C-alpha atoms as a PDB file:
ATOM      1  CA  UNK A   1      54.608  61.575 -78.758  1.00  0.00           C
ATOM      2  CA  UNK A   2      52.745  61.247 -75.484  1.00  0.00           C
ATOM      3  CA  UNK A   3      49.272  62.888 -75.497  1.00  0.00           C
ATOM      4  CA  UNK A   4      50.336  65.304 -72.734  1.00  0.00           C
ATOM      5  CA  UNK A   5      53.333  66.597 -74.574  1.00  0.00           C
ATOM      6  CA  UNK A   6      52.576  69.536 -76.926  1.00  0.00           C
ATOM      7  CA  UNK A   7      53.526  69.125 -80.561  1.00  0.00           C
ATOM      8  CA  UNK A   8      56.725  70.853 -81.616  1.00  0.00           C
ATOM      9  CA  UNK A   9      55.276  72.228 -84.917  1.00  0.00           C
ATOM     10  CA  UNK A  10      57.956  74.913 -85.252  1.00  0.00           C
ATOM     11  CA  UNK A  11      60.771  72.512 -84.719  1.00  0.00           C
ATOM     12  CA  UNK A  12      59.367  70.010 -87.145  1.00  0.00           C
ATOM     13  CA  UNK A  13      58.732  72.701 -89.835  1.00  0.00           C
ATOM     14  CA  UNK A  14      62.329  74.032 -89.278  1.00  0.00           C
ATOM     15  CA  UNK A  15      63.768  70.501 -89.963  1.00  0.00           C
ATOM     16  CA  UNK A  16      61.399  70.180 -92.980  1.00  0.00           C
ATOM     17  CA  UNK A  17      62.483  73.528 -94.395  1.00  0.00           C
ATOM     18  CA  UNK A  18      66.196  72.645 -94.053  1.00  0.00           C
ATOM     19  CA  UNK A  19      65.628  69.299 -95.886  1.00  0.00           C
ATOM     20  CA  UNK A  20      63.573  71.031 -98.581  1.00  0.00           C
ATOM     21  CA  UNK A  21      66.373  73.614 -99.084  1.00  0.00           C
ATOM     22  CA  UNK A  22      68.943  70.769 -99.394  1.00  0.00           C
ATOM     23  CA  UNK A  23      66.839  69.050-101.968  1.00  0.00           C
ATOM     24  CA  UNK A  24      66.309  72.312-103.864  1.00  0.00           C
ATOM     25  CA  UNK A  25      70.019  73.078-103.664  1.00  0.00           C
ATOM     26  CA  UNK A  26      71.083  69.699-105.046  1.00  0.00           C
ATOM     27  CA  UNK A  27      68.449  69.819-107.842  1.00  0.00           C
ATOM     28  CA  UNK A  28      68.641  73.436-108.881  1.00  0.00           C
ATOM     29  CA  UNK A  29      71.031  75.787-107.188  1.00  0.00           C
ATOM     30  CA  UNK A  30      74.123  73.711-107.708  1.00  0.00           C
ATOM     31  CA  UNK A  31      73.410  73.258-111.436  1.00  0.00           C
ATOM     32  CA  UNK A  32      72.033  76.605-112.512  1.00  0.00           C
ATOM     33  CA  UNK A  33      74.557  79.153-111.205  1.00  0.00           C
ATOM     34  CA  UNK A  34      72.146  81.052-108.984  1.00  0.00           C
ATOM     35  CA  UNK A  35      71.553  81.498-105.266  1.00  0.00           C
ATOM     36  CA  UNK A  36      68.543  80.149-103.367  1.00  0.00           C
ATOM     37  CA  UNK A  37      67.029  83.681-103.020  1.00  0.00           C
ATOM     38  CA  UNK A  38      67.601  84.326-106.762  1.00  0.00           C
ATOM     39  CA  UNK A  39      65.696  81.105-107.566  1.00  0.00           C
ATOM     40  CA  UNK A  40      62.831  82.065-105.286  1.00  0.00           C
ATOM     41  CA  UNK A  41      62.551  85.436-107.009  1.00  0.00           C
ATOM     42  CA  UNK A  42      62.517  83.653-110.426  1.00  0.00           C
ATOM     43  CA  UNK A  43      59.844  81.405-109.084  1.00  0.00           C
ATOM     44  CA  UNK A  44      57.758  84.309-107.844  1.00  0.00           C
ATOM     45  CA  UNK A  45      58.078  86.048-111.157  1.00  0.00           C
ATOM     46  CA  UNK A  46      56.965  82.979-112.959  1.00  0.00           C
ATOM     47  CA  UNK A  47      54.039  82.548-110.612  1.00  0.00           C
ATOM     48  CA  UNK A  48      52.857  86.101-110.997  1.00  0.00           C
ATOM     49  CA  UNK A  49      53.722  86.549-114.647  1.00  0.00           C
ATOM     50  CA  UNK A  50      55.989  88.985-116.474  1.00  0.00           C
ATOM     51  CA  UNK A  51      55.396  92.662-116.067  1.00  0.00           C
ATOM     52  CA  UNK A  52      54.923  92.802-112.177  1.00  0.00           C
ATOM     53  CA  UNK A  53      56.484  95.578-110.335  1.00  0.00           C
ATOM     54  CA  UNK A  54      58.830  95.288-107.373  1.00  0.00           C
ATOM     55  CA  UNK A  55      56.107  95.979-104.810  1.00  0.00           C
ATOM     56  CA  UNK A  56      53.858  93.253-106.118  1.00  0.00           C
ATOM     57  CA  UNK A  57      56.728  90.763-106.166  1.00  0.00           C
ATOM     58  CA  UNK A  58      57.875  91.882-102.727  1.00  0.00           C
ATOM     59  CA  UNK A  59      54.368  91.334-101.246  1.00  0.00           C
ATOM     60  CA  UNK A  60      54.019  87.891-102.946  1.00  0.00           C
ATOM     61  CA  UNK A  61      57.399  86.655-101.725  1.00  0.00           C
ATOM     62  CA  UNK A  62      57.278  88.318 -98.331  1.00  0.00           C
ATOM     63  CA  UNK A  63      60.694  89.858 -99.046  1.00  0.00           C
ATOM     64  CA  UNK A  64      61.394  93.458 -98.138  1.00  0.00           C
ATOM     65  CA  UNK A  65      61.881  95.819-101.081  1.00  0.00           C
ATOM     66  CA  UNK A  66      65.555  96.732-100.429  1.00  0.00           C
ATOM     67  CA  UNK A  67      66.876  93.099-100.458  1.00  0.00           C
ATOM     68  CA  UNK A  68      64.567  92.236-103.298  1.00  0.00           C
ATOM     69  CA  UNK A  69      66.043  95.088-105.304  1.00  0.00           C
ATOM     70  CA  UNK A  70      69.555  93.628-104.701  1.00  0.00           C
ATOM     71  CA  UNK A  71      68.445  90.208-105.800  1.00  0.00           C
ATOM     72  CA  UNK A  72      66.787  91.672-108.953  1.00  0.00           C
ATOM     73  CA  UNK A  73      70.029  93.550-109.728  1.00  0.00           C
ATOM     74  CA  UNK A  74      71.941  90.263-109.511  1.00  0.00           C
ATOM     75  CA  UNK A  75      69.436  88.555-111.725  1.00  0.00           C
ATOM     76  CA  UNK A  76      69.587  91.354-114.182  1.00  0.00           C
ATOM     77  CA  UNK A  77      73.458  91.182-114.261  1.00  0.00           C
ATOM     78  CA  UNK A  78      73.119  87.383-115.031  1.00  0.00           C
ATOM     79  CA  UNK A  79      70.767  88.180-117.844  1.00  0.00           C
ATOM     80  CA  UNK A  80      67.835  86.386-116.305  1.00  0.00           C
ATOM     81  CA  UNK A  81      65.526  89.364-115.782  1.00  0.00           C
ATOM     82  CA  UNK A  82      65.126  92.888-117.230  1.00  0.00           C
ATOM     83  CA  UNK A  83      63.440  95.906-115.891  1.00  0.00           C
ATOM     84  CA  UNK A  84      61.338  98.056-118.172  1.00  0.00           C
ATOM     85  CA  UNK A  85      59.565 101.321-117.582  1.00  0.00           C
ATOM     86  CA  UNK A  86      55.844 101.177-117.243  1.00  0.00           C
ATOM     87  CA  UNK A  87      54.286 102.858-120.231  1.00  0.00           C
ATOM     88  CA  UNK A  88      51.528 104.465-118.094  1.00  0.00           C
ATOM     89  CA  UNK A  89      53.690 105.498-115.206  1.00  0.00           C
ATOM     90  CA  UNK A  90      57.426 106.061-115.836  1.00  0.00           C
ATOM     91  CA  UNK A  91      58.187 105.999-112.160  1.00  0.00           C
ATOM     92  CA  UNK A  92      57.364 102.322-112.132  1.00  0.00           C
ATOM     93  CA  UNK A  93      59.777  99.618-113.470  1.00  0.00           C
ATOM     94  CA  UNK A  94      58.238  96.341-114.466  1.00  0.00           C
ATOM     95  CA  UNK A  95      60.192  93.043-114.198  1.00  0.00           C
ATOM     96  CA  UNK A  96      60.276  90.560-117.094  1.00  0.00           C
ATOM     97  CA  UNK A  97      62.098  87.209-117.350  1.00  0.00           C
ATOM     98  CA  UNK A  98      64.442  86.649-120.267  1.00  0.00           C
ATOM     99  CA  UNK A  99      64.689  83.806-122.733  1.00  0.00           C
ATOM    100  CA  UNK A 100      67.304  82.321-120.281  1.00  0.00           C
ATOM    101  CA  UNK A 101      64.574  81.849-117.619  1.00  0.00           C
ATOM    102  CA  UNK A 102      62.296  80.259-120.116  1.00  0.00           C
ATOM    103  CA  UNK A 103      65.115  77.785-120.790  1.00  0.00           C
ATOM    104  CA  UNK A 104      65.871  76.884-117.133  1.00  0.00           C
ATOM    105  CA  UNK A 105      62.353  77.111-115.638  1.00  0.00           C
ATOM    106  CA  UNK A 106      61.361  73.661-116.771  1.00  0.00           C
ATOM    107  CA  UNK A 107      64.232  72.258-114.716  1.00  0.00           C
ATOM    108  CA  UNK A 108      63.017  74.187-111.697  1.00  0.00           C
ATOM    109  CA  UNK A 109      59.461  72.949-112.218  1.00  0.00           C
ATOM    110  CA  UNK A 110      60.782  69.376-112.529  1.00  0.00           C
ATOM    111  CA  UNK A 111      62.691  69.555-109.200  1.00  0.00           C
ATOM    112  CA  UNK A 112      59.735  71.202-107.485  1.00  0.00           C
ATOM    113  CA  UNK A 113      57.458  68.421-108.748  1.00  0.00           C
ATOM    114  CA  UNK A 114      59.874  65.827-107.452  1.00  0.00           C
ATOM    115  CA  UNK A 115      60.015  67.700-104.128  1.00  0.00           C
ATOM    116  CA  UNK A 116      56.216  67.754-103.805  1.00  0.00           C
ATOM    117  CA  UNK A 117      55.960  64.133-104.698  1.00  0.00           C
ATOM    118  CA  UNK A 118      58.530  63.146-102.121  1.00  0.00           C
ATOM    119  CA  UNK A 119      56.902  65.279 -99.445  1.00  0.00           C
ATOM    120  CA  UNK A 120      53.375  63.995-100.016  1.00  0.00           C
ATOM    121  CA  UNK A 121      54.092  60.310-100.637  1.00  0.00           C
ATOM    122  CA  UNK A 122      51.815  58.122 -98.612  1.00  0.00           C
ATOM    123  CA  UNK A 123      49.540  60.951 -97.396  1.00  0.00           C
ATOM    124  CA  UNK A 124      45.889  60.748 -98.437  1.00  0.00           C
ATOM    125  CA  UNK A 125      44.163  63.608-100.390  1.00  0.00           C
ATOM    126  CA  UNK A 126      41.949  64.351 -97.387  1.00  0.00           C
ATOM    127  CA  UNK A 127      44.985  64.607 -95.070  1.00  0.00           C
ATOM    128  CA  UNK A 128      46.721  66.812 -97.632  1.00  0.00           C
ATOM    129  CA  UNK A 129      43.805  69.115 -97.781  1.00  0.00           C
ATOM    130  CA  UNK A 130      43.657  69.334 -93.981  1.00  0.00           C
ATOM    131  CA  UNK A 131      47.407  69.883 -93.807  1.00  0.00           C
ATOM    132  CA  UNK A 132      47.228  72.688 -96.430  1.00  0.00           C
ATOM    133  CA  UNK A 133      44.448  74.394 -94.597  1.00  0.00           C
ATOM    134  CA  UNK A 134      46.404  74.216 -91.257  1.00  0.00           C
ATOM    135  CA  UNK A 135      49.609  75.539 -92.876  1.00  0.00           C
ATOM    136  CA  UNK A 136      47.639  78.425 -94.479  1.00  0.00           C
ATOM    137  CA  UNK A 137      46.129  79.228 -91.060  1.00  0.00           C
ATOM    138  CA  UNK A 138      49.625  79.165 -89.400  1.00  0.00           C
ATOM    139  CA  UNK A 139      50.982  81.409 -92.212  1.00  0.00           C
ATOM    140  CA  UNK A 140      48.051  83.867 -91.773  1.00  0.00           C
ATOM    141  CA  UNK A 141      48.521  83.824 -88.007  1.00  0.00           C
ATOM    142  CA  UNK A 142      52.071  84.710 -88.199  1.00  0.00           C
ATOM    143  CA  UNK A 143      51.449  87.435 -90.758  1.00  0.00           C
ATOM    144  CA  UNK A 144      48.753  88.956 -88.591  1.00  0.00           C
ATOM    145  CA  UNK A 145      51.236  88.734 -85.607  1.00  0.00           C
ATOM    146  CA  UNK A 146      53.679  90.623 -87.648  1.00  0.00           C
ATOM    147  CA  UNK A 147      51.112  93.198 -88.605  1.00  0.00           C
ATOM    148  CA  UNK A 148      51.164  92.079 -92.247  1.00  0.00           C
ATOM    149  CA  UNK A 149      48.363  90.649 -94.252  1.00  0.00           C
ATOM    150  CA  UNK A 150      48.050  88.735 -97.447  1.00  0.00           C
ATOM    151  CA  UNK A 151      47.911  91.230-100.325  1.00  0.00           C
ATOM    152  CA  UNK A 152      46.966  89.027-103.193  1.00  0.00           C
ATOM    153  CA  UNK A 153      45.161  85.736-103.509  1.00  0.00           C
ATOM    154  CA  UNK A 154      47.973  84.619-105.718  1.00  0.00           C
ATOM    155  CA  UNK A 155      50.014  83.882-102.647  1.00  0.00           C
ATOM    156  CA  UNK A 156      48.140  80.578-102.557  1.00  0.00           C
ATOM    157  CA  UNK A 157      49.436  79.755-106.124  1.00  0.00           C
ATOM    158  CA  UNK A 158      52.383  77.484-106.688  1.00  0.00           C
ATOM    159  CA  UNK A 159      55.715  79.190-106.939  1.00  0.00           C
ATOM    160  CA  UNK A 160      57.334  76.873-109.418  1.00  0.00           C
END
């Protein structure tokens, strides 16, 4: 790219996201009878741990509560998660993964590890650190532009 031409970061990230989705679909979605959003919610639940409430999961995944509730309903119907009343506050329902998730999660982790290995092949540790910092800054810039802010430091954790 010529020095005078600005980088098309958004276009490159868009292409990268499409390829990542394809990789994820081929490795997980097509074999586990779940949709991509359902797999993302399972990943978020595994990252945060059993017993989170819908608001915590919504903030972590940056998914609005209403669509998240629908996805959780679908996961509950498939026997992948269950909602339980919070013993301290019966207005709150906590979300727990079932034994079925514990069975399929290793497959999800294996695919994610392969994806990360493919993505970072040939990139030095220093460059990866710089890239990670740049991507976090971009994410934070967009969140601030949307009037949203990171709620929990767990957003920096791996999802799968």
